[in-house]
Protein backbone atom coordinates (compact mmCIF):
# COMPACT_ATOMS: atom_id res chain seq x y z
CA MET A 1 -29.92 -12.31 -15.42
CA SER A 2 -31.30 -15.53 -16.83
CA PRO A 3 -29.40 -17.70 -19.35
CA THR A 4 -31.94 -16.75 -22.02
CA GLN A 5 -31.24 -13.02 -21.55
CA PRO A 6 -34.55 -11.63 -22.83
CA SER A 7 -35.71 -9.49 -19.90
CA THR A 8 -34.82 -6.09 -18.55
CA GLN A 9 -35.15 -4.68 -15.05
CA PRO A 10 -35.09 -0.88 -14.80
CA LEU A 11 -34.61 -0.99 -11.02
CA THR A 12 -31.48 -2.04 -9.16
CA LEU A 13 -31.25 -2.64 -5.43
CA THR A 14 -28.21 -1.03 -3.78
CA SER A 15 -26.68 -1.58 -0.37
CA ASN A 16 -26.52 2.10 0.55
CA PRO A 17 -28.57 5.14 -0.43
CA ALA A 18 -26.97 7.68 -2.76
CA PRO A 19 -26.37 11.10 -1.17
CA ASP A 20 -29.07 12.62 -3.40
CA ALA A 21 -31.57 9.77 -2.94
CA ARG A 22 -35.14 10.99 -2.58
CA SER A 23 -37.41 9.30 -0.09
CA VAL A 24 -40.68 7.41 -0.52
CA ARG A 25 -42.98 7.49 2.48
CA LEU A 26 -45.33 4.54 2.84
CA VAL A 27 -48.71 5.67 4.09
CA THR A 28 -52.06 4.06 4.81
CA ARG A 29 -55.48 5.55 4.27
CA ASP A 30 -56.18 5.38 8.01
CA GLY A 31 -52.87 7.01 8.89
CA PHE A 32 -52.81 9.69 6.22
CA ALA A 33 -54.63 12.35 8.27
CA ASP A 34 -52.00 12.12 11.02
CA LEU A 35 -49.04 12.11 8.65
CA ASP A 36 -46.44 14.78 9.37
CA LEU A 37 -46.59 16.79 6.13
CA ASP A 38 -45.82 20.46 5.60
CA ALA A 39 -48.65 22.71 4.42
CA ALA A 40 -47.48 22.74 0.80
CA ALA A 41 -47.30 18.93 0.59
CA ARG A 42 -50.68 18.61 2.27
CA ALA A 43 -52.21 21.04 -0.22
CA TRP A 44 -50.58 19.22 -3.13
CA ALA A 45 -52.04 15.91 -1.90
CA ALA A 46 -55.49 17.49 -1.59
CA ALA A 47 -55.25 19.00 -5.06
CA ASN A 48 -54.43 15.56 -6.48
CA GLY A 49 -57.10 13.75 -4.48
CA PHE A 50 -54.51 11.64 -2.67
CA SER A 51 -55.37 10.25 0.74
CA GLY A 52 -53.23 7.12 1.03
CA GLU A 53 -55.14 4.73 -1.25
CA ALA A 54 -53.29 1.43 -1.53
CA GLY A 55 -51.18 1.24 -4.69
CA ARG A 56 -51.30 4.94 -5.54
CA LEU A 57 -48.16 7.07 -5.87
CA LEU A 58 -48.00 10.82 -5.37
CA VAL A 59 -44.78 12.53 -6.44
CA LEU A 60 -44.07 15.62 -4.33
CA PRO A 61 -42.57 18.68 -6.05
CA ALA A 62 -39.78 20.83 -4.64
CA GLY A 63 -39.93 24.61 -4.74
CA ASP A 64 -37.83 24.72 -7.90
CA GLY A 65 -40.11 22.30 -9.72
CA SER A 66 -37.88 19.25 -9.28
CA VAL A 67 -38.95 16.08 -7.50
CA ALA A 68 -38.65 16.32 -3.74
CA GLY A 69 -39.94 12.86 -2.78
CA ALA A 70 -43.04 10.72 -2.96
CA LEU A 71 -45.89 9.24 -0.99
CA PHE A 72 -47.09 5.72 -1.68
CA GLY A 73 -50.28 4.18 -0.37
CA VAL A 74 -50.15 0.72 1.18
CA ALA A 75 -52.82 -1.55 2.67
CA ASP A 76 -53.55 -1.30 6.38
CA GLY A 77 -53.11 -5.04 6.99
CA ARG A 78 -51.15 -8.01 5.65
CA ASP A 79 -53.11 -9.92 3.04
CA GLY A 80 -51.96 -12.27 0.28
CA PHE A 81 -49.35 -10.50 -1.82
CA SER A 82 -49.53 -7.19 0.09
CA PRO A 83 -45.96 -7.42 1.47
CA LEU A 84 -44.78 -7.22 -2.16
CA ALA A 85 -46.93 -4.17 -2.97
CA ALA A 86 -43.90 -1.89 -3.26
CA GLY A 87 -43.38 -3.49 -6.66
CA ALA A 88 -45.71 -0.88 -8.12
CA LEU A 89 -43.09 1.76 -7.33
CA ALA A 90 -40.72 0.25 -9.87
CA ARG A 91 -43.15 1.13 -12.65
CA GLN A 92 -44.28 4.50 -11.32
CA LEU A 93 -41.31 6.32 -9.78
CA PRO A 94 -39.36 8.88 -11.80
CA GLU A 95 -35.80 7.99 -12.71
CA GLY A 96 -33.03 8.49 -10.19
CA SER A 97 -31.97 7.35 -6.74
CA TRP A 98 -34.57 6.50 -4.10
CA ARG A 99 -34.90 5.08 -0.61
CA PHE A 100 -37.66 4.35 1.85
CA ALA A 101 -38.34 6.98 4.50
CA GLY A 102 -38.09 4.77 7.56
CA THR A 103 -38.22 0.98 7.51
CA PRO A 104 -41.15 -0.89 5.93
CA ALA A 105 -43.04 -3.36 8.09
CA GLU A 106 -41.51 -6.31 6.22
CA PRO A 107 -38.35 -4.81 4.76
CA GLU A 108 -37.00 -7.87 2.94
CA LEU A 109 -40.30 -8.53 1.16
CA ALA A 110 -40.69 -4.84 0.36
CA ALA A 111 -37.25 -4.87 -1.30
CA LEU A 112 -38.08 -8.07 -3.15
CA GLY A 113 -41.36 -6.58 -4.32
CA LEU A 114 -39.50 -3.60 -5.75
CA LEU A 115 -37.30 -5.85 -7.86
CA LEU A 116 -40.08 -8.19 -8.94
CA GLY A 117 -42.24 -5.26 -9.99
CA SER A 118 -39.47 -3.91 -12.19
CA TYR A 119 -39.49 -6.93 -14.51
CA ALA A 120 -40.17 -6.33 -18.20
CA PHE A 121 -40.03 -9.01 -20.90
CA SER A 122 -38.19 -7.22 -23.68
CA ARG A 123 -36.87 -10.00 -25.90
CA TYR A 124 -39.02 -8.89 -28.81
CA ARG A 125 -39.42 -5.15 -28.19
CA LYS A 126 -37.48 -2.33 -26.60
CA ALA A 127 -37.80 -1.49 -22.91
CA ASP A 128 -38.69 2.05 -21.83
CA GLY A 129 -35.09 2.81 -20.82
CA ARG A 130 -35.81 4.15 -17.33
CA ALA A 131 -33.22 3.53 -14.61
CA ILE A 132 -33.93 3.56 -10.88
CA ALA A 133 -31.48 2.83 -8.07
CA PHE A 134 -33.24 1.98 -4.81
CA ALA A 135 -31.45 1.55 -1.50
CA ALA A 136 -32.25 -1.65 0.36
CA PRO A 137 -33.85 -1.02 3.78
CA GLU A 138 -31.49 -1.20 6.74
CA GLY A 139 -30.59 -4.77 7.65
CA VAL A 140 -31.67 -6.24 4.31
CA ASP A 141 -29.11 -8.25 2.33
CA ALA A 142 -29.41 -6.67 -1.12
CA GLU A 143 -27.41 -9.47 -2.75
CA ALA A 144 -29.64 -12.22 -1.34
CA VAL A 145 -32.83 -10.38 -2.35
CA SER A 146 -31.45 -9.80 -5.84
CA ARG A 147 -30.59 -13.49 -6.14
CA ARG A 148 -34.19 -14.44 -5.35
CA ALA A 149 -35.50 -11.92 -7.84
CA GLU A 150 -33.18 -13.24 -10.54
CA ALA A 151 -34.49 -16.77 -9.97
CA VAL A 152 -38.04 -15.50 -10.45
CA PHE A 153 -36.93 -13.62 -13.58
CA LEU A 154 -35.47 -16.86 -14.96
CA VAL A 155 -38.83 -18.57 -14.52
CA ARG A 156 -40.69 -15.67 -16.12
CA ASP A 157 -38.26 -15.46 -19.03
CA LEU A 158 -38.55 -19.15 -19.84
CA ILE A 159 -42.35 -19.19 -19.68
CA ASN A 160 -42.79 -15.93 -21.58
CA THR A 161 -40.61 -17.08 -24.47
CA PRO A 162 -42.87 -18.57 -27.17
CA ALA A 163 -42.49 -22.14 -28.32
CA ASN A 164 -40.76 -21.20 -31.58
CA ASP A 165 -37.86 -20.01 -29.42
CA MET A 166 -38.37 -22.35 -26.43
CA GLY A 167 -38.74 -25.88 -27.69
CA PRO A 168 -37.10 -28.92 -26.07
CA GLU A 169 -33.69 -28.00 -27.52
CA ARG A 170 -33.79 -24.45 -26.14
CA LEU A 171 -35.07 -25.65 -22.78
CA GLU A 172 -32.11 -28.00 -22.65
CA ALA A 173 -29.81 -25.07 -23.53
CA ALA A 174 -31.27 -23.02 -20.68
CA ALA A 175 -30.66 -25.88 -18.24
CA ARG A 176 -27.09 -26.24 -19.47
CA ALA A 177 -26.46 -22.49 -19.11
CA LEU A 178 -27.76 -22.57 -15.53
CA ALA A 179 -25.62 -25.61 -14.77
CA ALA A 180 -22.51 -23.94 -16.19
CA ALA A 181 -23.12 -20.87 -14.03
CA HIS A 182 -23.09 -23.00 -10.86
CA GLY A 183 -20.68 -25.81 -11.70
CA ALA A 184 -23.38 -28.46 -12.10
CA GLU A 185 -23.35 -31.42 -14.47
CA VAL A 186 -25.97 -32.14 -17.13
CA SER A 187 -26.70 -35.29 -19.10
CA VAL A 188 -29.47 -35.71 -21.66
CA ALA A 189 -31.21 -38.69 -23.20
CA ALA A 190 -32.98 -37.71 -26.44
CA GLY A 191 -34.95 -39.38 -29.21
CA ASP A 192 -34.66 -43.15 -29.39
CA ASP A 193 -32.14 -43.10 -26.55
CA LEU A 194 -35.19 -42.63 -24.31
CA LEU A 195 -36.33 -46.11 -25.34
CA ALA A 196 -32.87 -47.56 -24.77
CA GLN A 197 -32.85 -46.03 -21.27
CA ASN A 198 -36.38 -47.27 -20.47
CA LEU A 199 -38.22 -43.94 -20.58
CA PRO A 200 -40.97 -45.03 -22.98
CA MET A 201 -43.76 -42.64 -22.01
CA ILE A 202 -41.58 -39.57 -22.46
CA HIS A 203 -40.73 -40.88 -25.91
CA ALA A 204 -44.34 -41.67 -26.79
CA VAL A 205 -45.63 -38.21 -25.87
CA GLY A 206 -42.91 -36.31 -27.72
CA ARG A 207 -42.13 -38.47 -30.73
CA ALA A 208 -44.54 -36.68 -33.10
CA ALA A 209 -42.78 -33.32 -32.79
CA ALA A 210 -40.09 -31.89 -35.06
CA GLU A 211 -37.69 -31.61 -32.09
CA ALA A 212 -36.82 -34.87 -30.38
CA PRO A 213 -38.20 -35.48 -26.89
CA ARG A 214 -35.58 -35.64 -24.17
CA LEU A 215 -34.94 -36.07 -20.47
CA ILE A 216 -32.66 -33.39 -19.00
CA ASP A 217 -30.77 -34.56 -15.90
CA LEU A 218 -28.90 -31.91 -13.84
CA ARG A 219 -26.81 -32.82 -10.76
CA TRP A 220 -25.06 -30.58 -8.24
CA GLY A 221 -23.69 -30.73 -4.70
CA ARG A 222 -21.83 -33.10 -2.40
CA PRO A 223 -22.48 -36.71 -3.41
CA THR A 224 -23.03 -37.67 0.24
CA ALA A 225 -25.33 -34.76 1.12
CA PRO A 226 -29.08 -35.34 1.59
CA LYS A 227 -30.72 -36.08 -1.75
CA VAL A 228 -33.21 -33.48 -2.97
CA THR A 229 -34.69 -34.19 -6.39
CA LEU A 230 -36.85 -31.79 -8.40
CA VAL A 231 -38.95 -32.94 -11.37
CA GLY A 232 -40.52 -30.39 -13.70
CA LYS A 233 -43.03 -30.89 -16.51
CA GLY A 234 -41.41 -29.56 -19.68
CA VAL A 235 -44.17 -29.70 -22.30
CA CYS A 236 -42.92 -26.83 -24.44
CA PHE A 237 -46.18 -26.64 -26.35
CA ASP A 238 -49.35 -28.66 -25.94
CA THR A 239 -51.73 -29.02 -28.86
CA GLY A 240 -53.65 -31.61 -26.88
CA GLY A 241 -52.39 -34.25 -29.29
CA LEU A 242 -55.01 -36.14 -31.29
CA ASP A 243 -57.55 -35.07 -28.65
CA ILE A 244 -56.76 -31.61 -29.96
CA LYS A 245 -57.49 -28.49 -27.97
CA PRO A 246 -59.66 -25.75 -29.45
CA ALA A 247 -57.82 -22.66 -30.66
CA SER A 248 -58.68 -20.76 -27.47
CA GLY A 249 -57.20 -23.58 -25.42
CA MET A 250 -53.84 -23.33 -27.18
CA LEU A 251 -53.27 -19.61 -26.73
CA LEU A 252 -51.29 -20.00 -23.50
CA MET A 253 -49.81 -23.42 -24.14
CA LYS A 254 -46.31 -22.00 -24.40
CA LYS A 255 -46.56 -21.98 -20.60
CA ASP A 256 -47.07 -25.74 -20.36
CA MET A 257 -43.38 -26.03 -19.54
CA GLY A 258 -44.00 -23.86 -16.45
CA GLY A 259 -43.16 -26.74 -14.12
CA ALA A 260 -39.74 -27.10 -15.75
CA ALA A 261 -39.21 -23.35 -15.56
CA ASN A 262 -40.10 -23.34 -11.88
CA VAL A 263 -37.77 -26.18 -10.95
CA LEU A 264 -34.93 -24.46 -12.81
CA GLY A 265 -35.67 -21.28 -10.85
CA LEU A 266 -35.71 -23.29 -7.62
CA ALA A 267 -32.46 -24.98 -8.62
CA ALA A 268 -30.93 -21.52 -9.10
CA LEU A 269 -31.97 -20.65 -5.53
CA VAL A 270 -30.58 -23.88 -4.13
CA MET A 271 -27.26 -23.62 -5.94
CA GLY A 272 -26.92 -19.86 -5.48
CA GLY A 273 -27.61 -20.21 -1.76
CA ARG A 274 -25.10 -23.08 -1.51
CA LEU A 275 -27.59 -25.31 0.32
CA ASP A 276 -25.98 -28.49 1.59
CA VAL A 277 -27.87 -30.97 -0.59
CA ARG A 278 -27.17 -33.38 -3.41
CA LEU A 279 -29.47 -31.71 -5.93
CA ARG A 280 -30.90 -33.50 -8.92
CA VAL A 281 -33.23 -31.87 -11.46
CA LEU A 282 -35.11 -34.00 -13.97
CA ILE A 283 -37.02 -32.35 -16.83
CA PRO A 284 -38.88 -34.39 -19.43
CA ALA A 285 -38.85 -31.89 -22.31
CA VAL A 286 -41.30 -32.61 -25.13
CA GLU A 287 -43.81 -31.04 -27.47
CA ASN A 288 -47.22 -32.71 -27.56
CA ALA A 289 -47.63 -32.42 -31.33
CA ILE A 290 -49.71 -34.13 -34.01
CA SER A 291 -48.37 -36.23 -36.88
CA GLY A 292 -48.73 -39.74 -38.25
CA ASN A 293 -46.78 -41.28 -35.36
CA ALA A 294 -48.55 -39.42 -32.54
CA PHE A 295 -49.79 -41.57 -29.67
CA ARG A 296 -53.53 -42.22 -29.80
CA PRO A 297 -56.55 -42.44 -27.51
CA GLY A 298 -56.91 -46.09 -26.56
CA ASP A 299 -53.20 -46.85 -26.86
CA VAL A 300 -51.62 -48.71 -23.95
CA LEU A 301 -48.18 -47.43 -22.99
CA ARG A 302 -45.62 -49.18 -20.85
CA SER A 303 -43.95 -47.01 -18.24
CA ARG A 304 -40.49 -47.09 -16.74
CA LYS A 305 -41.97 -48.47 -13.54
CA GLY A 306 -43.52 -51.38 -15.44
CA LEU A 307 -47.11 -50.23 -15.02
CA THR A 308 -49.19 -50.15 -18.18
CA VAL A 309 -51.25 -47.03 -18.87
CA GLU A 310 -54.31 -46.85 -21.10
CA ILE A 311 -54.61 -43.49 -22.84
CA GLY A 312 -58.06 -42.13 -22.17
CA ASN A 313 -57.08 -38.69 -23.44
CA THR A 314 -53.93 -37.52 -25.22
CA ASP A 315 -54.37 -34.07 -23.65
CA ALA A 316 -53.45 -35.56 -20.27
CA GLU A 317 -49.87 -36.00 -21.43
CA GLY A 318 -48.07 -34.12 -18.67
CA ARG A 319 -48.67 -36.82 -16.09
CA LEU A 320 -47.26 -39.40 -18.53
CA VAL A 321 -43.89 -37.72 -18.95
CA LEU A 322 -43.77 -36.90 -15.24
CA ALA A 323 -44.48 -40.53 -14.37
CA ASP A 324 -41.36 -41.82 -16.11
CA ALA A 325 -39.22 -39.04 -14.62
CA LEU A 326 -40.65 -39.62 -11.13
CA ALA A 327 -40.03 -43.35 -11.40
CA LEU A 328 -36.41 -42.69 -12.34
CA ALA A 329 -36.02 -40.19 -9.48
CA ASP A 330 -37.64 -42.60 -7.02
CA GLU A 331 -35.12 -45.34 -7.75
CA GLU A 332 -32.46 -43.30 -5.92
CA GLU A 333 -34.62 -43.15 -2.77
CA PRO A 334 -34.19 -39.38 -2.35
CA ASP A 335 -34.75 -37.74 1.01
CA LEU A 336 -37.13 -35.30 -0.66
CA LEU A 337 -38.77 -35.52 -4.08
CA ILE A 338 -40.76 -32.56 -5.39
CA ASP A 339 -42.47 -32.28 -8.74
CA MET A 340 -43.94 -29.12 -10.25
CA ALA A 341 -46.27 -29.04 -13.22
CA THR A 342 -48.89 -26.97 -15.01
CA LEU A 343 -50.99 -30.09 -14.79
CA THR A 344 -54.74 -29.52 -14.52
CA GLY A 345 -57.39 -26.94 -15.24
CA ALA A 346 -59.22 -28.45 -12.27
CA ALA A 347 -56.66 -26.87 -9.93
CA ARG A 348 -57.49 -23.46 -11.36
CA VAL A 349 -61.22 -24.08 -11.00
CA ALA A 350 -60.69 -25.01 -7.36
CA LEU A 351 -58.23 -22.32 -6.30
CA GLY A 352 -57.79 -19.84 -9.15
CA PRO A 353 -54.55 -18.72 -10.77
CA ASP A 354 -52.83 -17.21 -7.70
CA LEU A 355 -53.03 -20.12 -5.25
CA PRO A 356 -51.31 -23.33 -6.42
CA PRO A 357 -52.36 -26.51 -4.65
CA PHE A 358 -49.81 -28.93 -3.29
CA PHE A 359 -50.28 -32.58 -2.39
CA THR A 360 -48.27 -34.65 0.06
CA ASP A 361 -48.71 -37.43 2.62
CA ASP A 362 -45.89 -35.97 4.74
CA GLU A 363 -47.57 -33.97 7.50
CA ALA A 364 -44.36 -32.26 8.62
CA LEU A 365 -43.55 -31.18 5.07
CA ALA A 366 -47.11 -29.95 4.56
CA ALA A 367 -46.94 -27.81 7.69
CA ALA A 368 -43.52 -26.44 6.75
CA LEU A 369 -44.64 -25.52 3.23
CA ALA A 370 -47.79 -23.80 4.47
CA GLU A 371 -45.85 -21.81 7.07
CA ALA A 372 -43.12 -20.81 4.62
CA ALA A 373 -45.65 -19.80 1.96
CA ALA A 374 -47.27 -17.38 4.40
CA GLU A 375 -43.95 -16.02 5.62
CA VAL A 376 -42.58 -15.13 2.19
CA ALA A 377 -45.85 -14.16 0.47
CA ASP A 378 -45.59 -17.06 -1.97
CA PRO A 379 -49.06 -18.62 -1.59
CA LEU A 380 -49.66 -22.38 -1.56
CA TRP A 381 -52.65 -24.39 -0.39
CA ARG A 382 -52.72 -28.05 0.56
CA MET A 383 -55.22 -30.35 -1.16
CA PRO A 384 -55.88 -33.99 -0.26
CA LEU A 385 -54.49 -37.15 -1.74
CA TRP A 386 -57.91 -38.76 -1.28
CA SER A 387 -57.18 -42.46 -1.77
CA PRO A 388 -60.80 -43.56 -2.41
CA TYR A 389 -60.63 -41.63 -5.70
CA ASP A 390 -57.73 -43.79 -6.84
CA ARG A 391 -60.19 -46.35 -8.20
CA LYS A 392 -61.40 -43.75 -10.71
CA LEU A 393 -58.18 -44.39 -12.63
CA ALA A 394 -59.08 -48.03 -13.26
CA SER A 395 -58.74 -49.53 -16.75
CA LYS A 396 -60.23 -52.72 -18.20
CA VAL A 397 -57.16 -53.39 -20.35
CA ALA A 398 -54.20 -51.89 -18.42
CA ASP A 399 -52.98 -51.27 -14.90
CA LEU A 400 -54.49 -47.79 -14.95
CA ASN A 401 -55.93 -45.09 -17.19
CA ASN A 402 -54.38 -41.64 -17.50
CA VAL A 403 -57.77 -39.95 -16.91
CA THR A 404 -61.06 -40.58 -15.15
CA THR A 405 -64.44 -40.75 -16.86
CA ASP A 406 -66.58 -38.58 -14.55
CA GLY A 407 -64.58 -35.32 -14.65
CA PHE A 408 -64.66 -34.87 -10.88
CA ALA A 409 -61.65 -33.95 -8.69
CA GLY A 410 -59.29 -33.67 -11.63
CA ALA A 411 -56.40 -32.16 -9.67
CA VAL A 412 -56.71 -34.84 -6.99
CA THR A 413 -56.86 -37.76 -9.40
CA ALA A 414 -53.91 -36.39 -11.36
CA ALA A 415 -51.90 -36.29 -8.12
CA LEU A 416 -53.03 -39.83 -7.32
CA PHE A 417 -51.87 -40.94 -10.78
CA LEU A 418 -48.41 -39.54 -10.05
CA ARG A 419 -48.33 -41.14 -6.60
CA ARG A 420 -48.48 -44.56 -8.29
CA PHE A 421 -44.92 -43.91 -9.53
CA VAL A 422 -43.39 -42.86 -6.18
CA GLU A 423 -42.65 -45.54 -3.58
CA LYS A 424 -39.11 -45.24 -2.26
CA ALA A 425 -38.66 -41.49 -1.71
CA GLN A 426 -38.72 -40.62 1.97
CA SER A 427 -40.96 -37.65 1.26
CA TRP A 428 -42.80 -36.47 -1.87
CA ALA A 429 -44.81 -33.39 -2.78
CA HIS A 430 -46.60 -32.48 -6.01
CA LEU A 431 -47.35 -28.85 -6.91
CA ASP A 432 -49.95 -28.10 -9.58
CA VAL A 433 -48.92 -24.57 -10.59
CA PHE A 434 -50.51 -22.22 -13.12
CA GLY A 435 -47.23 -20.51 -14.04
CA TRP A 436 -49.00 -17.40 -15.29
CA CYS A 437 -50.19 -14.05 -13.94
CA PRO A 438 -53.40 -13.24 -15.87
CA VAL A 439 -54.01 -9.84 -14.21
CA GLU A 440 -51.25 -7.32 -13.46
CA LYS A 441 -50.18 -7.16 -9.81
CA PRO A 442 -47.79 -4.71 -8.15
CA HIS A 443 -45.02 -7.32 -8.13
CA CYS A 444 -45.83 -9.00 -11.43
CA PRO A 445 -46.92 -7.94 -14.92
CA VAL A 446 -49.21 -10.13 -17.00
CA GLY A 447 -47.19 -13.13 -18.13
CA GLY A 448 -45.16 -16.05 -16.84
CA GLU A 449 -44.77 -16.32 -13.10
CA ALA A 450 -42.79 -18.31 -10.53
CA GLN A 451 -45.02 -20.01 -7.98
CA GLY A 452 -43.95 -21.83 -4.85
CA ILE A 453 -40.19 -21.69 -5.38
CA ARG A 454 -39.50 -19.09 -2.69
CA ALA A 455 -41.60 -21.03 -0.19
CA ILE A 456 -39.81 -24.28 -1.02
CA GLU A 457 -36.43 -22.53 -0.77
CA ARG A 458 -37.37 -21.39 2.74
CA VAL A 459 -38.17 -24.97 3.73
CA LEU A 460 -34.99 -26.36 2.18
CA ALA A 461 -32.81 -23.69 3.80
CA ALA A 462 -34.34 -24.44 7.22
CA ARG A 463 -33.72 -28.17 6.77
CA TYR A 464 -30.35 -28.22 5.08
CA GLY A 465 -28.74 -24.81 5.51
CA GLY A 466 -25.96 -23.53 3.31
CA SER A 467 -22.60 -21.88 3.24
């Protein structure tokens, strides 16, 4: 369960089936006609118009009127999130003990889908109270699958919690709770201490809010292990600043700390899996608010790196706070530096909400991320760091502007802006995540969502292993 404790999961994954566990048979539309069903079950399916449609559940009755088992339709081929489609069972099955009849094609992902689909954000209202125990398929490590699901739940919980209960102070508390659970250390620079520690852009973006801006710094692992540093955008609410968003543009801005939520979820996977790394997590936690001391369009800010940045738009604040955090991270020359941020609407225009782009100049890392994303049904898509566009960030009064003037390639130019602040890391990747599921999926209700963390965990585990 996450440190914030607002969610409920009506389904638990067990290592062994209960003696009275009923079975769910996974069927396809093409294979339904040849399915070995008794006459009564076949007639019941016909009466209910069931023929193996993907995502549809048919509960089979016993002779005494109780539940005998169930049929569940799955897609004929592997596509996108389809390995997680069993998540729909968590919301449709009757209470009790269940197991799969046979072994699913991708048993670990089927088990993970079950858990992910059971998530319900219940901090502000009661859950439905159902309880389902589902036996993990043979050969699947129920504990490891549950750990991955809990990391996703942490991300969802943090994003789903509104800004009145998830400001910079509460985000810091969540990071401290996660650190305490895994024996990590946390230090925080807040308010004017950011200026004393040369983090001026984090201070400038967050100084107008009621809660002080801060940089959360979590460390874990052997000091001499390979350095892996994660940086997450923690804008707990984004009004747009003086370049204020319209009301419709603010409705989902509680999710603008989705990058921070995702790196905390990834940190939970790294620490829970005991990967042999020296982990560092940096989260600039701010609220982009409006008051008399808010930073303005046309201001020129000094950064930690020494570069000066002209503010072309106060609503492009995420890259400013990330820039200071990335510069700090880069000073340690980490082996791998990854940042995650709900950074641009342009990324959504290009790839939609389900497919986060990632940017890197490291060809081996790019290939590993793409392969892992496909393997674990955690989609990512590489986009280019197209250097000729770097000139679009030019300023007449400063080293660079925080936005371009033509509106083209917004996700690319945002990534190029961040690249200006990374020089010493051996490898760097930037993920522009949406952090939100706008349409219900079998494995995810509408709301906050983890994106990319399971794929990155797969890459890190392959590189660094664990205990």
